[in-house]
C-alpha atoms as a PDB file:
ATOM      1  CA  UNK A   1     -26.641 -13.539  11.446  1.00  0.00           C
ATOM      2  CA  UNK A   2     -25.455 -11.866   8.148  1.00  0.00           C
ATOM      3  CA  UNK A   3     -25.283  -8.498   9.830  1.00  0.00           C
ATOM      4  CA  UNK A   4     -23.207 -10.009  12.698  1.00  0.00           C
ATOM      5  CA  UNK A   5     -20.849 -11.728  10.073  1.00  0.00           C
ATOM      6  CA  UNK A   6     -20.410  -8.353   8.098  1.00  0.00           C
ATOM      7  CA  UNK A   7     -19.635  -6.457  11.434  1.00  0.00           C
ATOM      8  CA  UNK A   8     -17.194  -9.159  12.281  1.00  0.00           C
ATOM      9  CA  UNK A   9     -15.528  -8.859   8.913  1.00  0.00           C
ATOM     10  CA  UNK A  10     -15.254  -5.174   9.324  1.00  0.00           C
ATOM     11  CA  UNK A  11     -13.755  -5.406  12.742  1.00  0.00           C
ATOM     12  CA  UNK A  12     -11.210  -8.156  11.303  1.00  0.00           C
ATOM     13  CA  UNK A  13     -10.281  -5.849   8.405  1.00  0.00           C
ATOM     14  CA  UNK A  14      -9.760  -2.888  10.710  1.00  0.00           C
ATOM     15  CA  UNK A  15      -7.756  -5.124  13.145  1.00  0.00           C
ATOM     16  CA  UNK A  16      -5.546  -6.469  10.391  1.00  0.00           C
ATOM     17  CA  UNK A  17      -4.877  -3.131   8.921  1.00  0.00           C
ATOM     18  CA  UNK A  18      -3.798  -1.633  12.282  1.00  0.00           C
ATOM     19  CA  UNK A  19      -1.602  -4.735  12.833  1.00  0.00           C
ATOM     20  CA  UNK A  20       0.056  -4.071   9.452  1.00  0.00           C
ATOM     21  CA  UNK A  21       0.452  -0.425  10.149  1.00  0.00           C
ATOM     22  CA  UNK A  22       2.141  -1.138  13.417  1.00  0.00           C
ATOM     23  CA  UNK A  23       4.524  -3.656  12.130  1.00  0.00           C
ATOM     24  CA  UNK A  24       5.472  -2.264   8.727  1.00  0.00           C
ATOM     25  CA  UNK A  25       7.552   0.528  10.052  1.00  0.00           C
ATOM     26  CA  UNK A  26      11.275   1.010  10.800  1.00  0.00           C
ATOM     27  CA  UNK A  27      13.018   4.262  11.795  1.00  0.00           C
ATOM     28  CA  UNK A  28      12.928   5.496   8.242  1.00  0.00           C
ATOM     29  CA  UNK A  29       9.654   4.442   6.466  1.00  0.00           C
ATOM     30  CA  UNK A  30       6.216   2.939   7.023  1.00  0.00           C
ATOM     31  CA  UNK A  31       4.320   1.083   4.333  1.00  0.00           C
ATOM     32  CA  UNK A  32       0.451   0.415   4.806  1.00  0.00           C
ATOM     33  CA  UNK A  33      -2.511  -0.595   2.646  1.00  0.00           C
ATOM     34  CA  UNK A  34      -6.118  -0.811   2.586  1.00  0.00           C
ATOM     35  CA  UNK A  35      -8.756  -2.001   0.203  1.00  0.00           C
ATOM     36  CA  UNK A  36     -12.329  -1.246  -0.792  1.00  0.00           C
ATOM     37  CA  UNK A  37     -14.603  -2.639  -3.544  1.00  0.00           C
ATOM     38  CA  UNK A  38     -13.007  -0.630  -6.238  1.00  0.00           C
ATOM     39  CA  UNK A  39      -9.695   0.656  -4.791  1.00  0.00           C
ATOM     40  CA  UNK A  40      -6.347  -0.615  -3.424  1.00  0.00           C
ATOM     41  CA  UNK A  41      -4.545   2.387  -1.454  1.00  0.00           C
ATOM     42  CA  UNK A  42      -0.849   1.934  -0.646  1.00  0.00           C
ATOM     43  CA  UNK A  43       0.701   4.488   1.712  1.00  0.00           C
ATOM     44  CA  UNK A  44       4.426   5.012   2.121  1.00  0.00           C
ATOM     45  CA  UNK A  45       5.408   7.386   4.744  1.00  0.00           C
ATOM     46  CA  UNK A  46       9.134   8.469   4.866  1.00  0.00           C
ATOM     47  CA  UNK A  47      10.648  10.141   7.806  1.00  0.00           C
ATOM     48  CA  UNK A  48      13.238  12.151   5.631  1.00  0.00           C
ATOM     49  CA  UNK A  49      11.645  12.219   2.215  1.00  0.00           C
ATOM     50  CA  UNK A  50      14.409  13.486  -0.006  1.00  0.00           C
ATOM     51  CA  UNK A  51      15.057  10.737  -2.727  1.00  0.00           C
ATOM     52  CA  UNK A  52      13.126   9.184  -5.386  1.00  0.00           C
ATOM     53  CA  UNK A  53      10.096   6.908  -4.272  1.00  0.00           C
ATOM     54  CA  UNK A  54       9.116   3.789  -6.289  1.00  0.00           C
ATOM     55  CA  UNK A  55       6.067   1.586  -5.836  1.00  0.00           C
ATOM     56  CA  UNK A  56       6.414  -1.932  -7.007  1.00  0.00           C
ATOM     57  CA  UNK A  57       3.808  -4.636  -7.593  1.00  0.00           C
ATOM     58  CA  UNK A  58       3.599  -8.104  -6.536  1.00  0.00           C
ATOM     59  CA  UNK A  59       5.374  -9.172  -9.711  1.00  0.00           C
ATOM     60  CA  UNK A  60       8.462  -6.856  -9.123  1.00  0.00           C
ATOM     61  CA  UNK A  61       7.445  -4.361 -11.738  1.00  0.00           C
ATOM     62  CA  UNK A  62       7.508  -0.691 -10.895  1.00  0.00           C
ATOM     63  CA  UNK A  63       3.944   0.707 -11.025  1.00  0.00           C
ATOM     64  CA  UNK A  64       4.665   4.289 -10.259  1.00  0.00           C
ATOM     65  CA  UNK A  65       7.506   6.713  -9.062  1.00  0.00           C
ATOM     66  CA  UNK A  66       7.964  10.158  -7.708  1.00  0.00           C
ATOM     67  CA  UNK A  67      11.063  12.112  -8.381  1.00  0.00           C
ATOM     68  CA  UNK A  68      12.962  13.701  -5.432  1.00  0.00           C
ATOM     69  CA  UNK A  69      10.600  16.272  -4.064  1.00  0.00           C
ATOM     70  CA  UNK A  70      11.083  19.901  -4.778  1.00  0.00           C
ATOM     71  CA  UNK A  71       8.648  22.684  -4.422  1.00  0.00           C
ATOM     72  CA  UNK A  72       6.044  20.679  -6.302  1.00  0.00           C
ATOM     73  CA  UNK A  73       5.255  16.866  -6.668  1.00  0.00           C
ATOM     74  CA  UNK A  74       6.594  15.223  -9.770  1.00  0.00           C
ATOM     75  CA  UNK A  75       5.073  11.586  -9.790  1.00  0.00           C
ATOM     76  CA  UNK A  76       3.902   9.489 -12.622  1.00  0.00           C
ATOM     77  CA  UNK A  77       1.912   6.148 -12.552  1.00  0.00           C
ATOM     78  CA  UNK A  78       2.765   3.470 -15.196  1.00  0.00           C
ATOM     79  CA  UNK A  79      -0.547   1.771 -14.727  1.00  0.00           C
ATOM     80  CA  UNK A  80      -3.535   3.350 -16.590  1.00  0.00           C
ATOM     81  CA  UNK A  81      -5.809   2.816 -13.525  1.00  0.00           C
ATOM     82  CA  UNK A  82      -3.253   4.054 -11.079  1.00  0.00           C
ATOM     83  CA  UNK A  83      -2.716   7.463  -9.504  1.00  0.00           C
ATOM     84  CA  UNK A  84       0.209   8.657  -7.282  1.00  0.00           C
ATOM     85  CA  UNK A  85       0.739  11.689  -5.236  1.00  0.00           C
ATOM     86  CA  UNK A  86       3.011  13.017  -2.593  1.00  0.00           C
ATOM     87  CA  UNK A  87       2.205  14.954   0.426  1.00  0.00           C
ATOM     88  CA  UNK A  88       5.282  16.880   1.333  1.00  0.00           C
ATOM     89  CA  UNK A  89       3.914  18.010   4.801  1.00  0.00           C
ATOM     90  CA  UNK A  90       3.225  14.451   5.885  1.00  0.00           C
ATOM     91  CA  UNK A  91       5.846  12.733   3.735  1.00  0.00           C
ATOM     92  CA  UNK A  92       3.470  10.346   2.343  1.00  0.00           C
ATOM     93  CA  UNK A  93       3.532   8.870  -1.022  1.00  0.00           C
ATOM     94  CA  UNK A  94       0.043   7.437  -1.871  1.00  0.00           C
ATOM     95  CA  UNK A  95      -0.561   5.091  -4.692  1.00  0.00           C
ATOM     96  CA  UNK A  96      -4.066   4.174  -5.698  1.00  0.00           C
ATOM     97  CA  UNK A  97      -5.176   1.316  -7.986  1.00  0.00           C
ATOM     98  CA  UNK A  98      -8.789   1.787  -9.208  1.00  0.00           C
ATOM     99  CA  UNK A  99     -11.094  -0.752 -10.943  1.00  0.00           C
ATOM    100  CA  UNK A 100     -11.680  -4.481 -10.249  1.00  0.00           C
ATOM    101  CA  UNK A 101     -10.021  -5.354  -7.031  1.00  0.00           C
ATOM    102  CA  UNK A 102      -9.654  -9.147  -6.575  1.00  0.00           C
ATOM    103  CA  UNK A 103      -7.071 -11.683  -5.883  1.00  0.00           C
ATOM    104  CA  UNK A 104      -4.985 -10.633  -9.040  1.00  0.00           C
ATOM    105  CA  UNK A 105      -3.545  -7.947  -6.805  1.00  0.00           C
ATOM    106  CA  UNK A 106      -2.525 -10.338  -4.142  1.00  0.00           C
ATOM    107  CA  UNK A 107       1.106 -10.639  -3.303  1.00  0.00           C
ATOM    108  CA  UNK A 108       4.130  -8.544  -1.782  1.00  0.00           C
ATOM    109  CA  UNK A 109       4.062  -4.900  -2.935  1.00  0.00           C
ATOM    110  CA  UNK A 110       7.011  -2.586  -2.167  1.00  0.00           C
ATOM    111  CA  UNK A 111       7.957   0.972  -1.509  1.00  0.00           C
ATOM    112  CA  UNK A 112      11.601   2.033  -2.061  1.00  0.00           C
ATOM    113  CA  UNK A 113      13.068   5.249  -1.061  1.00  0.00           C
ATOM    114  CA  UNK A 114      16.150   5.768  -3.035  1.00  0.00           C
ATOM    115  CA  UNK A 115      17.641   3.090  -5.527  1.00  0.00           C
ATOM    116  CA  UNK A 116      19.107   0.626  -3.000  1.00  0.00           C
ATOM    117  CA  UNK A 117      18.281   2.171   0.328  1.00  0.00           C
ATOM    118  CA  UNK A 118      15.209   1.713   2.342  1.00  0.00           C
ATOM    119  CA  UNK A 119      12.592  -0.907   1.224  1.00  0.00           C
ATOM    120  CA  UNK A 120       9.300  -1.802   2.874  1.00  0.00           C
ATOM    121  CA  UNK A 121       7.045  -4.597   1.891  1.00  0.00           C
ATOM    122  CA  UNK A 122       3.489  -5.309   2.557  1.00  0.00           C
ATOM    123  CA  UNK A 123       1.540  -8.629   1.675  1.00  0.00           C
ATOM    124  CA  UNK A 124      -1.823  -7.664   0.024  1.00  0.00           C
ATOM    125  CA  UNK A 125      -4.357 -10.355   0.184  1.00  0.00           C
ATOM    126  CA  UNK A 126      -7.924 -10.075  -1.157  1.00  0.00           C
ATOM    127  CA  UNK A 127      -9.904 -13.249  -0.808  1.00  0.00           C
ATOM    128  CA  UNK A 128     -13.286 -12.483  -2.420  1.00  0.00           C
ATOM    129  CA  UNK A 129     -13.489 -12.641  -6.261  1.00  0.00           C
ATOM    130  CA  UNK A 130     -17.019 -10.951  -6.626  1.00  0.00           C
ATOM    131  CA  UNK A 131     -18.021  -8.004  -4.446  1.00  0.00           C
ATOM    132  CA  UNK A 132     -21.469  -7.034  -3.862  1.00  0.00           C
ATOM    133  CA  UNK A 133     -20.665  -4.540  -0.984  1.00  0.00           C
ATOM    134  CA  UNK A 134     -17.871  -3.160   0.872  1.00  0.00           C
ATOM    135  CA  UNK A 135     -18.295  -5.538   3.866  1.00  0.00           C
ATOM    136  CA  UNK A 136     -17.431  -8.514   1.669  1.00  0.00           C
ATOM    137  CA  UNK A 137     -13.750  -7.416   1.337  1.00  0.00           C
ATOM    138  CA  UNK A 138     -11.854  -9.950   3.324  1.00  0.00           C
ATOM    139  CA  UNK A 139      -8.150  -9.678   4.317  1.00  0.00           C
ATOM    140  CA  UNK A 140      -5.881 -12.598   5.250  1.00  0.00           C
ATOM    141  CA  UNK A 141      -2.112 -12.637   6.254  1.00  0.00           C
ATOM    142  CA  UNK A 142      -1.824  -8.861   6.739  1.00  0.00           C
ATOM    143  CA  UNK A 143       1.836  -9.086   7.583  1.00  0.00           C
ATOM    144  CA  UNK A 144       4.325  -6.524   7.132  1.00  0.00           C
ATOM    145  CA  UNK A 145       8.125  -6.535   6.724  1.00  0.00           C
ATOM    146  CA  UNK A 146      10.641  -3.703   6.182  1.00  0.00           C
ATOM    147  CA  UNK A 147      14.172  -4.059   5.153  1.00  0.00           C
ATOM    148  CA  UNK A 148      17.014  -1.493   5.155  1.00  0.00           C
ATOM    149  CA  UNK A 149      19.780  -1.899   2.653  1.00  0.00           C
ATOM    150  CA  UNK A 150      23.378  -0.748   3.112  1.00  0.00           C
ATOM    151  CA  UNK A 151      23.197  -0.669   6.823  1.00  0.00           C
END
């Protein structure tokens, strides 16, 4: 029975992430997330990456940013357990938080392209407090919203 429950959670997790991916995009950017035992990964894909990219946490604080891309990526995380990088071929900005992943990361995270231009939000929800294996990550309410400013 436990194996069936774990398989169901994995299928549910994949289904919710795919739902989030398909509904977090507009014509300018797409913001998705995934979670494992020790990592939260946020991926912001921007069609025309040419402005500064800011990643905000659930409290509205900037956790990382990347300056407008040039020949090399110039990104900086503000959180000691965070890393950020840009892939200029795929136009993706990837922010990873490592460490204890629990309900404290729950909330609406944002990706901003430019100061007051495109903004995408994803709601991160982790239900389990203590993980013993990767199958015990449960996701709930994986809804996504994007908003364009100034249009």
